C-alpha atoms as a PDB file:
ATOM      1  CA  UNK A   1      51.460 -41.744  21.395  1.00  0.00           C
ATOM      2  CA  UNK A   2      48.297 -40.921  19.443  1.00  0.00           C
ATOM      3  CA  UNK A   3      47.455 -37.846  21.491  1.00  0.00           C
ATOM      4  CA  UNK A   4      48.489 -34.345  20.454  1.00  0.00           C
ATOM      5  CA  UNK A   5      50.950 -32.252  22.423  1.00  0.00           C
ATOM      6  CA  UNK A   6      51.194 -28.475  22.614  1.00  0.00           C
ATOM      7  CA  UNK A   7      53.842 -26.107  23.922  1.00  0.00           C
ATOM      8  CA  UNK A   8      53.035 -22.525  24.806  1.00  0.00           C
ATOM      9  CA  UNK A   9      56.453 -20.928  24.899  1.00  0.00           C
ATOM     10  CA  UNK A  10      59.473 -21.722  22.736  1.00  0.00           C
ATOM     11  CA  UNK A  11      62.367 -21.098  25.110  1.00  0.00           C
ATOM     12  CA  UNK A  12      65.376 -23.308  25.877  1.00  0.00           C
ATOM     13  CA  UNK A  13      63.457 -25.636  28.173  1.00  0.00           C
ATOM     14  CA  UNK A  14      60.614 -26.091  25.702  1.00  0.00           C
ATOM     15  CA  UNK A  15      63.004 -26.890  22.859  1.00  0.00           C
ATOM     16  CA  UNK A  16      64.973 -29.283  25.073  1.00  0.00           C
ATOM     17  CA  UNK A  17      61.780 -31.158  25.886  1.00  0.00           C
ATOM     18  CA  UNK A  18      60.731 -31.220  22.249  1.00  0.00           C
ATOM     19  CA  UNK A  19      64.042 -32.709  21.172  1.00  0.00           C
ATOM     20  CA  UNK A  20      63.867 -35.465  23.776  1.00  0.00           C
ATOM     21  CA  UNK A  21      60.243 -36.282  23.033  1.00  0.00           C
ATOM     22  CA  UNK A  22      60.794 -36.510  19.275  1.00  0.00           C
ATOM     23  CA  UNK A  23      64.091 -38.419  19.530  1.00  0.00           C
ATOM     24  CA  UNK A  24      62.457 -40.951  21.852  1.00  0.00           C
ATOM     25  CA  UNK A  25      59.459 -41.232  19.492  1.00  0.00           C
ATOM     26  CA  UNK A  26      56.991 -40.410  22.280  1.00  0.00           C
ATOM     27  CA  UNK A  27      55.132 -38.067  19.892  1.00  0.00           C
ATOM     28  CA  UNK A  28      55.497 -37.695  16.143  1.00  0.00           C
ATOM     29  CA  UNK A  29      56.414 -34.144  15.022  1.00  0.00           C
ATOM     30  CA  UNK A  30      53.084 -33.734  13.221  1.00  0.00           C
ATOM     31  CA  UNK A  31      51.308 -34.295  16.547  1.00  0.00           C
ATOM     32  CA  UNK A  32      53.169 -31.451  18.254  1.00  0.00           C
ATOM     33  CA  UNK A  33      52.371 -27.738  18.020  1.00  0.00           C
ATOM     34  CA  UNK A  34      54.311 -24.797  19.462  1.00  0.00           C
ATOM     35  CA  UNK A  35      53.228 -21.194  19.933  1.00  0.00           C
ATOM     36  CA  UNK A  36      55.290 -18.137  20.783  1.00  0.00           C
ATOM     37  CA  UNK A  37      55.372 -14.405  20.074  1.00  0.00           C
ATOM     38  CA  UNK A  38      58.733 -14.636  18.283  1.00  0.00           C
ATOM     39  CA  UNK A  39      58.246 -15.784  14.702  1.00  0.00           C
ATOM     40  CA  UNK A  40      61.931 -16.337  13.957  1.00  0.00           C
ATOM     41  CA  UNK A  41      62.288 -18.775  16.832  1.00  0.00           C
ATOM     42  CA  UNK A  42      59.190 -20.650  15.721  1.00  0.00           C
ATOM     43  CA  UNK A  43      60.526 -20.996  12.177  1.00  0.00           C
ATOM     44  CA  UNK A  44      63.802 -22.332  13.575  1.00  0.00           C
ATOM     45  CA  UNK A  45      62.095 -24.970  15.708  1.00  0.00           C
ATOM     46  CA  UNK A  46      59.894 -26.016  12.778  1.00  0.00           C
ATOM     47  CA  UNK A  47      62.974 -26.424  10.592  1.00  0.00           C
ATOM     48  CA  UNK A  48      64.809 -28.399  13.286  1.00  0.00           C
ATOM     49  CA  UNK A  49      62.023 -30.706  14.440  1.00  0.00           C
ATOM     50  CA  UNK A  50      59.255 -30.513  11.835  1.00  0.00           C
ATOM     51  CA  UNK A  51      56.582 -29.536  14.374  1.00  0.00           C
ATOM     52  CA  UNK A  52      53.542 -27.331  13.773  1.00  0.00           C
ATOM     53  CA  UNK A  53      53.910 -23.683  14.802  1.00  0.00           C
ATOM     54  CA  UNK A  54      51.622 -20.742  15.521  1.00  0.00           C
ATOM     55  CA  UNK A  55      51.776 -17.188  16.776  1.00  0.00           C
ATOM     56  CA  UNK A  56      48.377 -17.725  18.424  1.00  0.00           C
ATOM     57  CA  UNK A  57      48.078 -19.636  21.708  1.00  0.00           C
ATOM     58  CA  UNK A  58      44.453 -20.458  20.894  1.00  0.00           C
ATOM     59  CA  UNK A  59      45.670 -22.730  18.081  1.00  0.00           C
ATOM     60  CA  UNK A  60      47.607 -24.750  20.650  1.00  0.00           C
ATOM     61  CA  UNK A  61      44.568 -24.878  22.930  1.00  0.00           C
ATOM     62  CA  UNK A  62      42.290 -26.209  20.198  1.00  0.00           C
ATOM     63  CA  UNK A  63      44.847 -28.711  18.834  1.00  0.00           C
ATOM     64  CA  UNK A  64      46.287 -30.271  21.979  1.00  0.00           C
ATOM     65  CA  UNK A  65      45.310 -33.067  24.375  1.00  0.00           C
ATOM     66  CA  UNK A  66      48.280 -32.159  26.577  1.00  0.00           C
ATOM     67  CA  UNK A  67      49.529 -28.573  26.913  1.00  0.00           C
ATOM     68  CA  UNK A  68      52.877 -27.691  28.462  1.00  0.00           C
ATOM     69  CA  UNK A  69      52.973 -24.107  29.706  1.00  0.00           C
ATOM     70  CA  UNK A  70      56.636 -23.314  29.081  1.00  0.00           C
ATOM     71  CA  UNK A  71      56.608 -19.635  30.036  1.00  0.00           C
ATOM     72  CA  UNK A  72      57.724 -17.488  32.982  1.00  0.00           C
ATOM     73  CA  UNK A  73      55.559 -17.761  36.143  1.00  0.00           C
ATOM     74  CA  UNK A  74      54.372 -14.142  35.906  1.00  0.00           C
ATOM     75  CA  UNK A  75      52.876 -14.847  32.455  1.00  0.00           C
ATOM     76  CA  UNK A  76      50.668 -17.730  33.573  1.00  0.00           C
ATOM     77  CA  UNK A  77      47.559 -15.668  34.445  1.00  0.00           C
ATOM     78  CA  UNK A  78      47.661 -13.867  31.078  1.00  0.00           C
ATOM     79  CA  UNK A  79      48.286 -17.069  29.084  1.00  0.00           C
ATOM     80  CA  UNK A  80      45.576 -19.050  30.876  1.00  0.00           C
ATOM     81  CA  UNK A  81      43.065 -16.222  30.513  1.00  0.00           C
ATOM     82  CA  UNK A  82      43.638 -16.304  26.762  1.00  0.00           C
ATOM     83  CA  UNK A  83      43.170 -20.066  26.288  1.00  0.00           C
ATOM     84  CA  UNK A  84      40.786 -21.220  29.037  1.00  0.00           C
ATOM     85  CA  UNK A  85      37.694 -21.062  26.802  1.00  0.00           C
ATOM     86  CA  UNK A  86      39.387 -22.891  23.917  1.00  0.00           C
ATOM     87  CA  UNK A  87      41.039 -25.922  25.534  1.00  0.00           C
ATOM     88  CA  UNK A  88      39.570 -29.379  25.059  1.00  0.00           C
ATOM     89  CA  UNK A  89      37.246 -30.686  27.763  1.00  0.00           C
ATOM     90  CA  UNK A  90      39.658 -33.453  28.842  1.00  0.00           C
ATOM     91  CA  UNK A  91      42.912 -31.536  28.335  1.00  0.00           C
ATOM     92  CA  UNK A  92      45.891 -32.058  30.645  1.00  0.00           C
ATOM     93  CA  UNK A  93      47.727 -28.863  31.604  1.00  0.00           C
ATOM     94  CA  UNK A  94      51.391 -29.308  32.509  1.00  0.00           C
ATOM     95  CA  UNK A  95      52.996 -26.460  34.440  1.00  0.00           C
ATOM     96  CA  UNK A  96      56.789 -26.161  34.829  1.00  0.00           C
ATOM     97  CA  UNK A  97      57.110 -22.844  36.654  1.00  0.00           C
ATOM     98  CA  UNK A  98      58.534 -22.565  40.171  1.00  0.00           C
ATOM     99  CA  UNK A  99      56.027 -21.535  42.816  1.00  0.00           C
ATOM    100  CA  UNK A 100      52.950 -22.442  40.743  1.00  0.00           C
ATOM    101  CA  UNK A 101      50.617 -24.595  42.828  1.00  0.00           C
ATOM    102  CA  UNK A 102      48.110 -26.926  41.199  1.00  0.00           C
ATOM    103  CA  UNK A 103      45.340 -25.024  42.986  1.00  0.00           C
ATOM    104  CA  UNK A 104      46.508 -21.740  41.403  1.00  0.00           C
ATOM    105  CA  UNK A 105      46.210 -23.195  37.914  1.00  0.00           C
ATOM    106  CA  UNK A 106      42.788 -24.722  38.594  1.00  0.00           C
ATOM    107  CA  UNK A 107      41.474 -21.401  39.879  1.00  0.00           C
ATOM    108  CA  UNK A 108      42.677 -19.517  36.809  1.00  0.00           C
ATOM    109  CA  UNK A 109      40.908 -21.962  34.493  1.00  0.00           C
ATOM    110  CA  UNK A 110      37.801 -21.459  36.656  1.00  0.00           C
ATOM    111  CA  UNK A 111      36.827 -25.101  36.426  1.00  0.00           C
ATOM    112  CA  UNK A 112      38.030 -28.519  37.538  1.00  0.00           C
ATOM    113  CA  UNK A 113      40.822 -29.257  35.128  1.00  0.00           C
ATOM    114  CA  UNK A 114      43.532 -31.910  34.945  1.00  0.00           C
ATOM    115  CA  UNK A 115      46.824 -30.363  36.038  1.00  0.00           C
ATOM    116  CA  UNK A 116      50.279 -31.887  36.374  1.00  0.00           C
ATOM    117  CA  UNK A 117      52.863 -29.769  38.149  1.00  0.00           C
ATOM    118  CA  UNK A 118      56.428 -30.520  37.070  1.00  0.00           C
ATOM    119  CA  UNK A 119      59.807 -29.180  38.148  1.00  0.00           C
ATOM    120  CA  UNK A 120      62.353 -30.019  35.413  1.00  0.00           C
ATOM    121  CA  UNK A 121      65.908 -28.694  35.190  1.00  0.00           C
ATOM    122  CA  UNK A 122      68.211 -27.371  32.474  1.00  0.00           C
ATOM    123  CA  UNK A 123      70.274 -30.572  31.927  1.00  0.00           C
ATOM    124  CA  UNK A 124      67.221 -31.609  29.901  1.00  0.00           C
ATOM    125  CA  UNK A 125      69.042 -29.675  27.161  1.00  0.00           C
ATOM    126  CA  UNK A 126      71.547 -32.553  26.931  1.00  0.00           C
ATOM    127  CA  UNK A 127      69.101 -35.378  27.643  1.00  0.00           C
ATOM    128  CA  UNK A 128      70.031 -35.664  31.331  1.00  0.00           C
ATOM    129  CA  UNK A 129      67.214 -33.763  32.986  1.00  0.00           C
ATOM    130  CA  UNK A 130      65.706 -34.496  36.402  1.00  0.00           C
ATOM    131  CA  UNK A 131      61.980 -33.847  36.694  1.00  0.00           C
ATOM    132  CA  UNK A 132      59.701 -34.084  39.732  1.00  0.00           C
ATOM    133  CA  UNK A 133      56.059 -34.729  38.844  1.00  0.00           C
ATOM    134  CA  UNK A 134      52.925 -34.078  40.877  1.00  0.00           C
ATOM    135  CA  UNK A 135      49.453 -34.766  39.388  1.00  0.00           C
ATOM    136  CA  UNK A 136      46.138 -33.326  40.495  1.00  0.00           C
ATOM    137  CA  UNK A 137      43.439 -35.725  41.704  1.00  0.00           C
ATOM    138  CA  UNK A 138      41.648 -35.564  38.352  1.00  0.00           C
ATOM    139  CA  UNK A 139      44.602 -37.093  36.473  1.00  0.00           C
ATOM    140  CA  UNK A 140      44.228 -40.846  35.894  1.00  0.00           C
ATOM    141  CA  UNK A 141      47.018 -43.400  36.331  1.00  0.00           C
ATOM    142  CA  UNK A 142      47.216 -43.899  32.592  1.00  0.00           C
ATOM    143  CA  UNK A 143      47.467 -40.148  32.000  1.00  0.00           C
ATOM    144  CA  UNK A 144      50.158 -39.822  34.657  1.00  0.00           C
ATOM    145  CA  UNK A 145      52.136 -42.568  32.899  1.00  0.00           C
ATOM    146  CA  UNK A 146      51.903 -40.548  29.673  1.00  0.00           C
ATOM    147  CA  UNK A 147      53.337 -37.485  31.406  1.00  0.00           C
ATOM    148  CA  UNK A 148      56.113 -39.556  32.987  1.00  0.00           C
ATOM    149  CA  UNK A 149      57.002 -40.937  29.536  1.00  0.00           C
ATOM    150  CA  UNK A 150      57.297 -37.387  28.208  1.00  0.00           C
ATOM    151  CA  UNK A 151      59.713 -36.293  30.920  1.00  0.00           C
ATOM    152  CA  UNK A 152      61.707 -39.536  30.963  1.00  0.00           C
ATOM    153  CA  UNK A 153      62.424 -39.029  27.271  1.00  0.00           C
ATOM    154  CA  UNK A 154      65.058 -36.442  28.238  1.00  0.00           C
ATOM    155  CA  UNK A 155      66.247 -37.710  31.627  1.00  0.00           C
ATOM    156  CA  UNK A 156      64.804 -39.139  34.819  1.00  0.00           C
ATOM    157  CA  UNK A 157      61.493 -38.417  36.526  1.00  0.00           C
ATOM    158  CA  UNK A 158      60.082 -39.038  39.993  1.00  0.00           C
ATOM    159  CA  UNK A 159      56.505 -38.609  41.238  1.00  0.00           C
ATOM    160  CA  UNK A 160      56.375 -36.593  44.484  1.00  0.00           C
ATOM    161  CA  UNK A 161      53.746 -35.044  46.743  1.00  0.00           C
ATOM    162  CA  UNK A 162      53.082 -31.370  46.075  1.00  0.00           C
ATOM    163  CA  UNK A 163      54.228 -30.331  49.553  1.00  0.00           C
ATOM    164  CA  UNK A 164      57.726 -31.485  48.557  1.00  0.00           C
ATOM    165  CA  UNK A 165      57.973 -29.363  45.417  1.00  0.00           C
ATOM    166  CA  UNK A 166      59.752 -26.492  47.174  1.00  0.00           C
ATOM    167  CA  UNK A 167      62.423 -28.927  48.362  1.00  0.00           C
ATOM    168  CA  UNK A 168      62.611 -30.372  44.847  1.00  0.00           C
ATOM    169  CA  UNK A 169      63.418 -26.887  43.576  1.00  0.00           C
ATOM    170  CA  UNK A 170      66.530 -26.795  45.759  1.00  0.00           C
ATOM    171  CA  UNK A 171      67.729 -30.375  45.187  1.00  0.00           C
ATOM    172  CA  UNK A 172      67.270 -30.604  41.406  1.00  0.00           C
ATOM    173  CA  UNK A 173      65.572 -27.552  39.897  1.00  0.00           C
ATOM    174  CA  UNK A 174      68.168 -24.987  40.988  1.00  0.00           C
ATOM    175  CA  UNK A 175      71.043 -27.313  41.856  1.00  0.00           C
ATOM    176  CA  UNK A 176      72.763 -27.310  38.445  1.00  0.00           C
ATOM    177  CA  UNK A 177      73.886 -23.773  39.348  1.00  0.00           C
ATOM    178  CA  UNK A 178      75.628 -25.067  42.492  1.00  0.00           C
ATOM    179  CA  UNK A 179      77.348 -27.791  40.472  1.00  0.00           C
ATOM    180  CA  UNK A 180      78.530 -25.282  37.857  1.00  0.00           C
ATOM    181  CA  UNK A 181      80.099 -23.190  40.641  1.00  0.00           C
ATOM    182  CA  UNK A 182      81.807 -26.325  41.998  1.00  0.00           C
ATOM    183  CA  UNK A 183      83.166 -27.218  38.539  1.00  0.00           C
ATOM    184  CA  UNK A 184      84.360 -23.655  37.996  1.00  0.00           C
ATOM    185  CA  UNK A 185      86.091 -23.599  41.396  1.00  0.00           C
ATOM    186  CA  UNK A 186      87.834 -26.925  40.711  1.00  0.00           C
ATOM    187  CA  UNK A 187      88.959 -25.677  37.310  1.00  0.00           C
ATOM    188  CA  UNK A 188      90.263 -22.429  38.837  1.00  0.00           C
ATOM    189  CA  UNK A 189      92.336 -24.434  41.312  1.00  0.00           C
ATOM    190  CA  UNK A 190      93.665 -26.627  38.508  1.00  0.00           C
ATOM    191  CA  UNK A 191      94.656 -23.538  36.514  1.00  0.00           C
ATOM    192  CA  UNK A 192      96.392 -22.191  39.619  1.00  0.00           C
ATOM    193  CA  UNK A 193      98.381 -25.438  39.665  1.00  0.00           C
ATOM    194  CA  UNK A 194      99.358 -25.007  36.002  1.00  0.00           C
ATOM    195  CA  UNK A 195      96.740 -26.960  34.020  1.00  0.00           C
ATOM    196  CA  UNK A 196      95.488 -25.110  30.887  1.00  0.00           C
ATOM    197  CA  UNK A 197      91.978 -23.658  31.313  1.00  0.00           C
ATOM    198  CA  UNK A 198      90.255 -25.767  28.626  1.00  0.00           C
ATOM    199  CA  UNK A 199      91.714 -29.003  29.975  1.00  0.00           C
ATOM    200  CA  UNK A 200      90.845 -27.988  33.543  1.00  0.00           C
ATOM    201  CA  UNK A 201      87.155 -27.548  32.674  1.00  0.00           C
ATOM    202  CA  UNK A 202      87.069 -30.892  30.867  1.00  0.00           C
ATOM    203  CA  UNK A 203      88.741 -32.729  33.745  1.00  0.00           C
ATOM    204  CA  UNK A 204      86.556 -31.141  36.418  1.00  0.00           C
ATOM    205  CA  UNK A 205      83.283 -31.620  34.510  1.00  0.00           C
ATOM    206  CA  UNK A 206      84.066 -35.235  33.590  1.00  0.00           C
ATOM    207  CA  UNK A 207      84.951 -35.994  37.224  1.00  0.00           C
ATOM    208  CA  UNK A 208      81.535 -34.683  38.318  1.00  0.00           C
ATOM    209  CA  UNK A 209      79.741 -36.572  35.537  1.00  0.00           C
ATOM    210  CA  UNK A 210      81.527 -39.831  36.332  1.00  0.00           C
ATOM    211  CA  UNK A 211      80.957 -39.476  40.062  1.00  0.00           C
ATOM    212  CA  UNK A 212      77.234 -38.880  39.531  1.00  0.00           C
ATOM    213  CA  UNK A 213      76.999 -41.983  37.325  1.00  0.00           C
ATOM    214  CA  UNK A 214      78.731 -44.015  40.032  1.00  0.00           C
ATOM    215  CA  UNK A 215      76.028 -43.009  42.535  1.00  0.00           C
ATOM    216  CA  UNK A 216      73.174 -43.763  40.131  1.00  0.00           C
ATOM    217  CA  UNK A 217      74.502 -46.968  38.574  1.00  0.00           C
ATOM    218  CA  UNK A 218      76.079 -48.706  41.578  1.00  0.00           C
ATOM    219  CA  UNK A 219      73.336 -47.814  44.058  1.00  0.00           C
ATOM    220  CA  UNK A 220      76.034 -47.361  46.686  1.00  0.00           C
ATOM    221  CA  UNK A 221      75.830 -44.690  49.371  1.00  0.00           C
ATOM    222  CA  UNK A 222      77.800 -41.551  48.382  1.00  0.00           C
ATOM    223  CA  UNK A 223      79.675 -41.790  51.659  1.00  0.00           C
ATOM    224  CA  UNK A 224      80.831 -45.333  50.825  1.00  0.00           C
ATOM    225  CA  UNK A 225      82.001 -44.220  47.386  1.00  0.00           C
ATOM    226  CA  UNK A 226      83.885 -41.338  49.028  1.00  0.00           C
ATOM    227  CA  UNK A 227      85.562 -43.783  51.423  1.00  0.00           C
ATOM    228  CA  UNK A 228      86.682 -45.960  48.485  1.00  0.00           C
ATOM    229  CA  UNK A 229      88.696 -43.033  47.091  1.00  0.00           C
ATOM    230  CA  UNK A 230      90.083 -41.880  50.443  1.00  0.00           C
ATOM    231  CA  UNK A 231      93.205 -43.922  51.220  1.00  0.00           C
ATOM    232  CA  UNK A 232      94.671 -43.609  54.738  1.00  0.00           C
ATOM    233  CA  UNK A 233      97.045 -40.660  54.918  1.00  0.00           C
ATOM    234  CA  UNK A 234      96.528 -39.940  51.218  1.00  0.00           C
ATOM    235  CA  UNK A 235      95.792 -36.929  49.044  1.00  0.00           C
ATOM    236  CA  UNK A 236      92.011 -37.392  48.851  1.00  0.00           C
ATOM    237  CA  UNK A 237      91.395 -37.559  52.586  1.00  0.00           C
ATOM    238  CA  UNK A 238      93.578 -34.456  52.960  1.00  0.00           C
ATOM    239  CA  UNK A 239      91.266 -32.609  50.557  1.00  0.00           C
ATOM    240  CA  UNK A 240      88.146 -34.018  52.279  1.00  0.00           C
ATOM    241  CA  UNK A 241      89.428 -32.848  55.659  1.00  0.00           C
ATOM    242  CA  UNK A 242      89.993 -29.359  54.277  1.00  0.00           C
ATOM    243  CA  UNK A 243      86.474 -29.262  52.812  1.00  0.00           C
ATOM    244  CA  UNK A 244      85.084 -30.227  56.215  1.00  0.00           C
ATOM    245  CA  UNK A 245      87.224 -27.599  57.922  1.00  0.00           C
ATOM    246  CA  UNK A 246      85.934 -24.904  55.549  1.00  0.00           C
ATOM    247  CA  UNK A 247      82.308 -25.908  56.100  1.00  0.00           C
ATOM    248  CA  UNK A 248      81.625 -27.375  52.644  1.00  0.00           C
ATOM    249  CA  UNK A 249      78.639 -29.504  53.671  1.00  0.00           C
ATOM    250  CA  UNK A 250      77.125 -26.767  55.788  1.00  0.00           C
ATOM    251  CA  UNK A 251      77.466 -24.268  52.926  1.00  0.00           C
ATOM    252  CA  UNK A 252      75.609 -26.619  50.558  1.00  0.00           C
ATOM    253  CA  UNK A 253      72.878 -27.411  53.086  1.00  0.00           C
ATOM    254  CA  UNK A 254      72.437 -23.723  53.986  1.00  0.00           C
ATOM    255  CA  UNK A 255      72.216 -22.747  50.319  1.00  0.00           C
ATOM    256  CA  UNK A 256      69.599 -25.398  49.624  1.00  0.00           C
ATOM    257  CA  UNK A 257      67.518 -24.417  52.651  1.00  0.00           C
ATOM    258  CA  UNK A 258      67.610 -20.791  51.429  1.00  0.00           C
ATOM    259  CA  UNK A 259      66.473 -21.963  47.997  1.00  0.00           C
ATOM    260  CA  UNK A 260      63.595 -23.953  49.499  1.00  0.00           C
ATOM    261  CA  UNK A 261      62.573 -20.972  51.614  1.00  0.00           C
ATOM    262  CA  UNK A 262      62.548 -18.675  48.565  1.00  0.00           C
ATOM    263  CA  UNK A 263      60.454 -21.195  46.614  1.00  0.00           C
ATOM    264  CA  UNK A 264      57.906 -21.260  49.447  1.00  0.00           C
ATOM    265  CA  UNK A 265      57.757 -17.463  49.459  1.00  0.00           C
ATOM    266  CA  UNK A 266      57.133 -17.455  45.708  1.00  0.00           C
ATOM    267  CA  UNK A 267      54.220 -19.877  46.198  1.00  0.00           C
ATOM    268  CA  UNK A 268      52.322 -17.496  48.462  1.00  0.00           C
END
């Protein structure tokens, strides 16, 4: 891509995105700039990826056609205030913070600006991210495709309506935490049954990874895949029955509804 890309913020998510973008050859390193207040981290990312770096956010604003605001939600007003007079006229601002509406970003720039709201997740760090994308009305189809290409370089991406972004937070943005708890619980049970801890984590994590791939690659309903494993009177259906008895599904649904509710509260 001939355009220039900027990151304000050099945290784990920003670096994960950079790695995917560069490895997929979506942008060349010389067409990417990163700013942050921590010089050591900037030097490390320059050494790893060969990108341009700066301690001044204004340098990113002046350089970039697309700017990804990779900072905590509470920092957005301060960051935008510092760059709003320096960004290019046709710049696209990509926000990745929970609870940040497109309207909020437009108001802080104090002009009609192209905004794409994205909810990525941490598996982007290993190239298996899931990102939900919502563009403002000012973003063209071609520009939206460019943003999709960026986020598909380190996983999958889906375009959704903005009123669904709170639900997206619970189903993909925050959900890796639920899966980690599930893996940890399975490993704990395996250790209780005598399997060494390191092997238990590997077995549990690989089972989750393989099961997820089965859903994505076969296109089969998860319930049908579950039925394929559950032989009559067998071990699997015994475990499934116990999960149902203990309220496994209800616990997951309740947790996700609480997450969605919290995301809505943060948007107010």
